[in-house]
Amino acid sequence: MSKPKIAFMFSGQGSQYFQMGQRLYQRQRVFRHWMDRLDGTVRQSVGLSVVDALYHQQRGKADSFDRTLLSHPAIFMVEYSLAQALLAEQLEPDILIGASLGTFVAAAVAGCVDCDQALTMLLSHAQVLEAHCERGAMIAVLANARLYDELGLSSYGELAAINFDSHFVISTSMSGALEVERILNGRNVLFQRLPVSFAFHSAWLETAERWLDTHLQTMPMAKARIPIACCMRAGLVESVAGDHLPMVMRKPIQFQKTIEYLETTGPYEYVDVGPSGTLATFVKYVYPPGSTQSRTHVMLTPFDRDLENFSAVVETLAAHRSFAI
């Protein structure tokens, strides 16, 4: 049996919530160090504290966390800090999987971009969004993506993601969201609005993406030290230079195709480094347990077991790699 490779998975907007990673922040030294270190970058750049917003303002996990100027850096900080905590435990990934904003984190972990520069760029991107782009919505639909055309949903929004056979996401305007939800309700199709303020992966954000494209040209880029699987291209990339990162925020997320591609080179230990374990859940639907030798691992969830999950993942994968043939 071939030794499973380790894949870190980084998710994007829609996976965030207040208090995410709180127990790790309280008890895990490396995670806290990087959260505080990156929070200093945010304070210097925009005069806000993500750590304070996440952990010290008595906001509950169910409260809406859709202010992009906070959620953009919060997702980056939590995922980057968690990856650094895993690396400090000698858990070295063989590949990094980036979905949407998570690709910025993957690029920083892979050494393509400096973490502070990537974080500052995301902060500026959020400011451009809030100043110049129309507010919008993203709706996760629990059905096959064929419904996007069959129900005429393309008249109201754009296909933002296909995560597995019965899960896709539509980006739309605020008025379009009402029409999409009306149609889905009429067909008894399950759906959920994501906690975002803008229609990511759509033409509604082209002003911000043009800005991002222009300013990323000035950011130094290096070749990835760890291979990156990009969910925009459903394959591996050696560099994120050029228009790659702007397109990551504009083009649809092809998560299902990305995992199907990786499984041809597997098996993998898929470690979800995102705030809510969403990508690990998606993997299980792409390849149900028993249909592959690959496994999924979750650390952060809204259910207060972050520290226990972190320790279990480190112990399980360290032992598995030691005894794998």
Protein backbone atom coordinates (compact mmCIF):
# COMPACT_ATOMS: atom_id res chain seq x y z
CA MET A 1 0.00 0.00 0.00
CA SER A 2 1.37 3.42 -0.93
CA LYS A 3 1.93 5.87 1.89
CA PRO A 4 -0.89 8.46 2.00
CA LYS A 5 0.18 12.00 1.27
CA ILE A 6 -0.91 14.86 3.49
CA ALA A 7 -3.00 17.65 2.00
CA PHE A 8 -3.86 20.85 3.86
CA MET A 9 -7.17 22.34 2.66
CA PHE A 10 -7.84 26.09 2.96
CA SER A 11 -11.40 27.40 2.58
CA GLY A 12 -12.65 30.91 1.84
CA GLN A 13 -15.55 33.26 2.48
CA GLY A 14 -18.65 31.68 4.00
CA SER A 15 -16.79 29.38 6.41
CA GLN A 16 -16.21 32.00 9.13
CA TYR A 17 -17.91 32.63 12.48
CA PHE A 18 -17.15 34.57 15.64
CA GLN A 19 -15.05 32.69 18.24
CA MET A 20 -13.50 30.43 15.58
CA GLY A 21 -10.29 28.95 16.98
CA GLN A 22 -10.87 30.46 20.42
CA ARG A 23 -9.69 27.45 22.45
CA LEU A 24 -6.57 27.13 20.34
CA TYR A 25 -5.92 30.83 20.83
CA GLN A 26 -6.21 30.33 24.59
CA ARG A 27 -4.11 27.15 24.83
CA GLN A 28 -1.96 26.57 21.72
CA ARG A 29 1.21 28.65 21.84
CA VAL A 30 2.13 28.69 18.13
CA PHE A 31 -1.42 29.41 17.00
CA ARG A 32 -1.69 32.32 19.43
CA HIS A 33 1.72 33.69 18.42
CA TRP A 34 0.75 33.90 14.76
CA MET A 35 -2.72 35.27 15.46
CA ASP A 36 -1.22 38.08 17.53
CA ARG A 37 1.58 38.64 15.03
CA LEU A 38 -0.82 38.98 12.09
CA ASP A 39 -3.25 41.02 14.16
CA GLY A 40 -0.48 43.58 14.51
CA THR A 41 -0.35 43.83 10.72
CA VAL A 42 -4.10 44.44 10.59
CA ARG A 43 -3.93 47.09 13.33
CA GLN A 44 -1.15 48.91 11.52
CA SER A 45 -2.95 48.73 8.17
CA VAL A 46 -6.57 49.59 9.02
CA GLY A 47 -6.64 50.37 12.75
CA LEU A 48 -8.81 47.37 13.68
CA SER A 49 -8.11 44.27 15.75
CA VAL A 50 -9.36 40.97 14.36
CA VAL A 51 -8.42 39.18 17.58
CA ASP A 52 -10.54 41.62 19.56
CA ALA A 53 -13.47 41.22 17.17
CA LEU A 54 -13.22 37.42 17.22
CA TYR A 55 -12.65 36.73 20.89
CA HIS A 56 -13.19 39.78 23.10
CA GLN A 57 -16.44 41.46 22.08
CA GLN A 58 -18.92 38.87 23.41
CA ARG A 59 -20.20 37.99 19.96
CA GLY A 60 -21.76 34.56 19.63
CA LYS A 61 -21.05 31.97 16.98
CA ALA A 62 -24.55 32.42 15.58
CA ASP A 63 -24.10 36.18 15.12
CA SER A 64 -23.69 37.30 11.51
CA PHE A 65 -20.00 37.69 10.62
CA ASP A 66 -20.24 39.32 7.21
CA ARG A 67 -18.22 42.54 7.51
CA THR A 68 -15.63 41.86 4.82
CA LEU A 69 -12.99 44.14 6.32
CA LEU A 70 -12.99 41.78 9.32
CA SER A 71 -13.88 38.44 7.76
CA HIS A 72 -11.24 38.61 4.98
CA PRO A 73 -8.32 38.94 7.44
CA ALA A 74 -9.95 36.68 10.04
CA ILE A 75 -10.12 33.73 7.65
CA PHE A 76 -6.55 34.32 6.50
CA MET A 77 -5.22 34.67 10.04
CA VAL A 78 -6.95 31.61 11.48
CA GLU A 79 -5.96 29.35 8.59
CA TYR A 80 -2.37 30.59 8.37
CA SER A 81 -1.90 30.35 12.14
CA LEU A 82 -3.34 26.84 12.24
CA ALA A 83 -1.07 25.74 9.40
CA GLN A 84 1.95 27.13 11.27
CA ALA A 85 0.87 25.26 14.41
CA LEU A 86 0.73 22.01 12.42
CA LEU A 87 4.12 22.69 10.85
CA ALA A 88 5.57 23.27 14.32
CA GLU A 89 4.39 19.75 15.19
CA GLN A 90 6.43 18.40 12.25
CA LEU A 91 3.28 17.71 10.25
CA GLU A 92 4.55 18.55 6.78
CA PRO A 93 2.01 18.71 3.93
CA ASP A 94 2.76 17.21 0.54
CA ILE A 95 0.22 19.46 -1.14
CA LEU A 96 -1.90 22.53 -0.34
CA ILE A 97 -5.47 22.88 -1.61
CA GLY A 98 -6.79 26.42 -1.93
CA ALA A 99 -10.42 27.33 -2.48
CA SER A 100 -11.16 31.00 -3.21
CA LEU A 101 -9.60 33.23 -0.51
CA GLY A 102 -7.99 30.07 0.86
CA THR A 103 -5.66 30.14 -2.13
CA PHE A 104 -4.06 33.29 -0.69
CA VAL A 105 -3.35 31.33 2.50
CA ALA A 106 -2.00 28.37 0.54
CA ALA A 107 0.26 30.72 -1.42
CA ALA A 108 1.63 32.22 1.80
CA VAL A 109 2.20 28.82 3.43
CA ALA A 110 3.91 27.60 0.23
CA GLY A 111 6.27 30.58 0.29
CA CYS A 112 4.94 32.17 -2.91
CA VAL A 113 4.07 35.40 -1.12
CA ASP A 114 4.98 36.99 2.19
CA CYS A 115 2.21 36.46 4.75
CA ASP A 116 2.08 40.12 5.79
CA GLN A 117 1.93 41.31 2.19
CA ALA A 118 -0.84 38.82 1.37
CA LEU A 119 -2.81 39.89 4.44
CA THR A 120 -2.38 43.59 3.65
CA MET A 121 -3.52 42.96 0.07
CA LEU A 122 -6.68 41.23 1.33
CA LEU A 123 -7.40 44.16 3.66
CA SER A 124 -7.12 46.61 0.77
CA HIS A 125 -9.27 44.32 -1.37
CA ALA A 126 -11.94 44.38 1.34
CA GLN A 127 -11.80 48.18 1.47
CA VAL A 128 -12.27 48.42 -2.31
CA LEU A 129 -15.20 46.00 -2.11
CA GLU A 130 -16.90 48.02 0.60
CA ALA A 131 -16.29 51.35 -1.15
CA HIS A 132 -16.99 50.52 -4.79
CA CYS A 133 -18.92 47.25 -5.22
CA GLU A 134 -22.62 46.52 -5.00
CA ARG A 135 -23.61 44.42 -2.03
CA GLY A 136 -24.75 40.94 -2.94
CA ALA A 137 -25.37 37.43 -1.70
CA MET A 138 -24.22 33.85 -2.13
CA ILE A 139 -26.67 30.97 -1.87
CA ALA A 140 -25.62 27.35 -1.33
CA VAL A 141 -28.05 24.98 -3.03
CA LEU A 142 -28.35 21.33 -1.98
CA ALA A 143 -29.05 19.92 -5.43
CA ASN A 144 -27.29 19.02 -8.65
CA ALA A 145 -25.88 21.99 -10.55
CA ARG A 146 -28.14 21.09 -13.50
CA LEU A 147 -30.85 23.03 -11.67
CA TYR A 148 -28.91 26.22 -12.30
CA ASP A 149 -29.98 26.09 -15.95
CA GLU A 150 -33.14 23.98 -15.62
CA LEU A 151 -34.79 26.45 -13.23
CA GLY A 152 -33.56 29.55 -15.04
CA LEU A 153 -31.39 30.63 -12.10
CA SER A 154 -28.78 31.93 -14.55
CA SER A 155 -31.13 34.86 -15.19
CA TYR A 156 -30.54 36.09 -11.64
CA GLY A 157 -27.00 35.09 -10.74
CA GLU A 158 -23.77 33.34 -11.64
CA LEU A 159 -22.56 29.84 -10.80
CA ALA A 160 -19.93 30.41 -8.11
CA ALA A 161 -18.99 26.88 -7.05
CA ILE A 162 -19.64 23.19 -7.62
CA ASN A 163 -18.58 21.35 -4.47
CA PHE A 164 -20.07 17.89 -5.07
CA ASP A 165 -22.86 16.28 -7.06
CA SER A 166 -25.63 17.73 -4.91
CA HIS A 167 -24.13 21.04 -3.77
CA PHE A 168 -23.51 24.20 -5.76
CA VAL A 169 -23.37 27.93 -4.97
CA ILE A 170 -24.94 30.90 -6.77
CA SER A 171 -23.66 34.47 -6.51
CA THR A 172 -26.23 37.16 -7.09
CA SER A 173 -27.40 40.68 -6.28
CA MET A 174 -29.57 41.36 -3.24
CA SER A 175 -32.69 41.60 -5.42
CA GLY A 176 -31.64 38.55 -7.42
CA ALA A 177 -31.23 36.55 -4.21
CA LEU A 178 -34.91 37.03 -3.42
CA GLU A 179 -35.87 35.67 -6.84
CA VAL A 180 -33.51 32.70 -6.55
CA GLU A 181 -34.89 31.84 -3.12
CA ARG A 182 -38.47 32.21 -4.38
CA ILE A 183 -37.80 29.74 -7.21
CA LEU A 184 -36.03 27.26 -4.94
CA ASN A 185 -38.77 27.44 -2.33
CA GLY A 186 -41.34 26.79 -5.04
CA ARG A 187 -39.53 23.58 -5.99
CA ASN A 188 -38.88 22.53 -2.36
CA VAL A 189 -35.13 22.69 -2.93
CA LEU A 190 -33.01 23.13 0.21
CA PHE A 191 -30.69 26.14 0.25
CA GLN A 192 -28.79 28.40 2.63
CA ARG A 193 -27.51 31.96 2.37
CA LEU A 194 -23.83 32.21 3.21
CA PRO A 195 -22.58 34.81 5.73
CA VAL A 196 -21.12 37.18 3.13
CA SER A 197 -21.92 40.72 2.00
CA PHE A 198 -20.79 40.44 -1.62
CA ALA A 199 -21.35 38.16 -4.61
CA PHE A 200 -17.88 36.65 -4.81
CA HIS A 201 -16.93 34.81 -8.01
CA SER A 202 -19.17 36.99 -10.15
CA ALA A 203 -19.19 40.02 -12.43
CA TRP A 204 -20.58 42.15 -9.58
CA LEU A 205 -17.05 42.34 -8.15
CA GLU A 206 -15.10 43.13 -11.31
CA THR A 207 -14.11 46.59 -10.02
CA ALA A 208 -12.37 45.00 -7.04
CA GLU A 209 -10.81 42.26 -9.16
CA ARG A 210 -9.35 44.80 -11.60
CA TRP A 211 -7.88 46.64 -8.62
CA LEU A 212 -6.49 43.38 -7.23
CA ASP A 213 -4.98 42.46 -10.59
CA THR A 214 -3.23 45.83 -10.88
CA HIS A 215 -1.80 45.84 -7.38
CA LEU A 216 -0.71 42.20 -7.31
CA GLN A 217 1.62 42.98 -10.21
CA THR A 218 3.81 44.86 -7.72
CA MET A 219 3.92 42.04 -5.15
CA PRO A 220 7.04 39.83 -5.27
CA MET A 221 6.12 36.23 -6.14
CA ALA A 222 8.22 33.09 -5.72
CA LYS A 223 7.80 29.53 -6.91
CA ALA A 224 5.82 27.37 -4.51
CA ARG A 225 7.94 25.30 -2.11
CA ILE A 226 4.91 23.02 -1.63
CA PRO A 227 2.68 22.12 -4.60
CA ILE A 228 -0.64 23.99 -4.68
CA ALA A 229 -3.86 22.49 -6.03
CA CYS A 230 -6.04 25.38 -7.11
CA CYS A 231 -9.80 24.87 -7.06
CA MET A 232 -10.23 27.49 -9.77
CA ARG A 233 -8.16 25.43 -12.21
CA ALA A 234 -8.90 21.98 -10.73
CA GLY A 235 -5.21 21.13 -10.94
CA LEU A 236 -1.71 21.89 -9.71
CA VAL A 237 0.03 25.25 -10.10
CA GLU A 238 3.70 26.04 -9.54
CA SER A 239 3.21 29.79 -9.27
CA VAL A 240 0.45 32.25 -8.41
CA ALA A 241 2.02 35.09 -10.39
CA GLY A 242 0.21 37.07 -13.07
CA ASP A 243 -3.58 37.11 -12.90
CA HIS A 244 -3.87 33.86 -10.96
CA LEU A 245 -4.96 35.27 -7.59
CA PRO A 246 -7.46 37.78 -9.04
CA MET A 247 -9.01 34.97 -11.09
CA VAL A 248 -9.23 32.83 -7.95
CA MET A 249 -11.64 35.41 -6.54
CA ARG A 250 -13.54 35.82 -9.82
CA LYS A 251 -13.89 32.40 -11.46
CA PRO A 252 -16.05 29.52 -10.13
CA ILE A 253 -14.70 27.12 -7.50
CA GLN A 254 -14.34 23.63 -8.98
CA PHE A 255 -13.84 21.75 -5.72
CA GLN A 256 -15.31 18.45 -6.91
CA LYS A 257 -13.12 18.36 -10.02
CA THR A 258 -10.07 19.26 -7.94
CA ILE A 259 -10.57 16.34 -5.55
CA GLU A 260 -11.32 13.97 -8.43
CA TYR A 261 -8.04 15.03 -10.04
CA LEU A 262 -6.05 14.59 -6.82
CA GLU A 263 -7.51 11.15 -6.16
CA THR A 264 -5.79 9.92 -9.32
CA THR A 265 -2.50 10.56 -7.49
CA GLY A 266 -3.68 9.55 -3.98
CA PRO A 267 -4.42 8.34 -1.43
CA TYR A 268 -4.45 11.45 0.75
CA GLU A 269 -4.94 12.48 4.33
CA TYR A 270 -7.11 15.56 3.74
CA VAL A 271 -6.59 17.94 6.67
CA ASP A 272 -9.18 20.73 6.77
CA VAL A 273 -7.40 23.85 8.02
CA GLY A 274 -10.52 26.00 7.59
CA PRO A 275 -12.72 27.36 10.37
CA SER A 276 -15.67 24.99 10.06
CA GLY A 277 -14.59 21.70 8.48
CA THR A 278 -16.62 22.49 5.36
CA LEU A 279 -14.10 21.17 2.84
CA ALA A 280 -13.68 17.88 4.71
CA THR A 281 -17.45 17.42 4.49
CA PHE A 282 -17.36 18.14 0.76
CA VAL A 283 -14.62 15.52 0.26
CA LYS A 284 -16.79 12.90 1.97
CA TYR A 285 -19.57 13.61 -0.51
CA VAL A 286 -17.23 13.49 -3.50
CA TYR A 287 -15.78 10.17 -2.25
CA PRO A 288 -17.92 8.53 0.47
CA PRO A 289 -15.99 6.58 3.16
CA GLY A 290 -15.09 3.15 1.86
CA SER A 291 -14.85 4.26 -1.75
CA THR A 292 -11.25 5.45 -1.37
CA GLN A 293 -8.21 4.89 0.87
CA SER A 294 -8.08 8.63 1.52
CA ARG A 295 -9.33 10.05 4.82
CA THR A 296 -10.49 13.44 6.06
CA HIS A 297 -9.53 15.23 9.27
CA VAL A 298 -11.27 18.21 10.88
CA MET A 299 -9.88 20.50 13.57
CA LEU A 300 -11.99 23.65 13.83
CA THR A 301 -15.76 23.46 14.21
CA PRO A 302 -18.33 25.58 16.07
CA PHE A 303 -18.59 22.84 18.73
CA ASP A 304 -15.71 23.75 21.08
CA ARG A 305 -13.41 20.78 20.45
CA ASP A 306 -10.65 22.66 18.64
CA LEU A 307 -7.85 21.70 21.02
CA GLU A 308 -8.88 18.05 21.23
CA ASN A 309 -9.28 17.81 17.46
CA PHE A 310 -5.92 19.45 16.85
CA SER A 311 -4.14 17.02 19.18
CA ALA A 312 -5.94 14.04 17.67
CA VAL A 313 -5.00 15.02 14.12
CA VAL A 314 -1.35 15.52 15.05
CA GLU A 315 -1.20 12.20 16.91
CA THR A 316 -3.07 10.22 14.24
CA LEU A 317 -1.07 11.48 11.30
CA ALA A 318 2.28 11.27 13.09
CA ALA A 319 1.60 7.62 13.95
CA HIS A 320 0.20 6.84 10.51
CA ARG A 321 3.21 8.26 8.72
CA SER A 322 5.61 6.45 11.06
CA PHE A 323 4.11 3.03 10.37
CA ALA A 324 3.03 3.46 6.75
CA ILE A 325 4.88 1.32 4.24
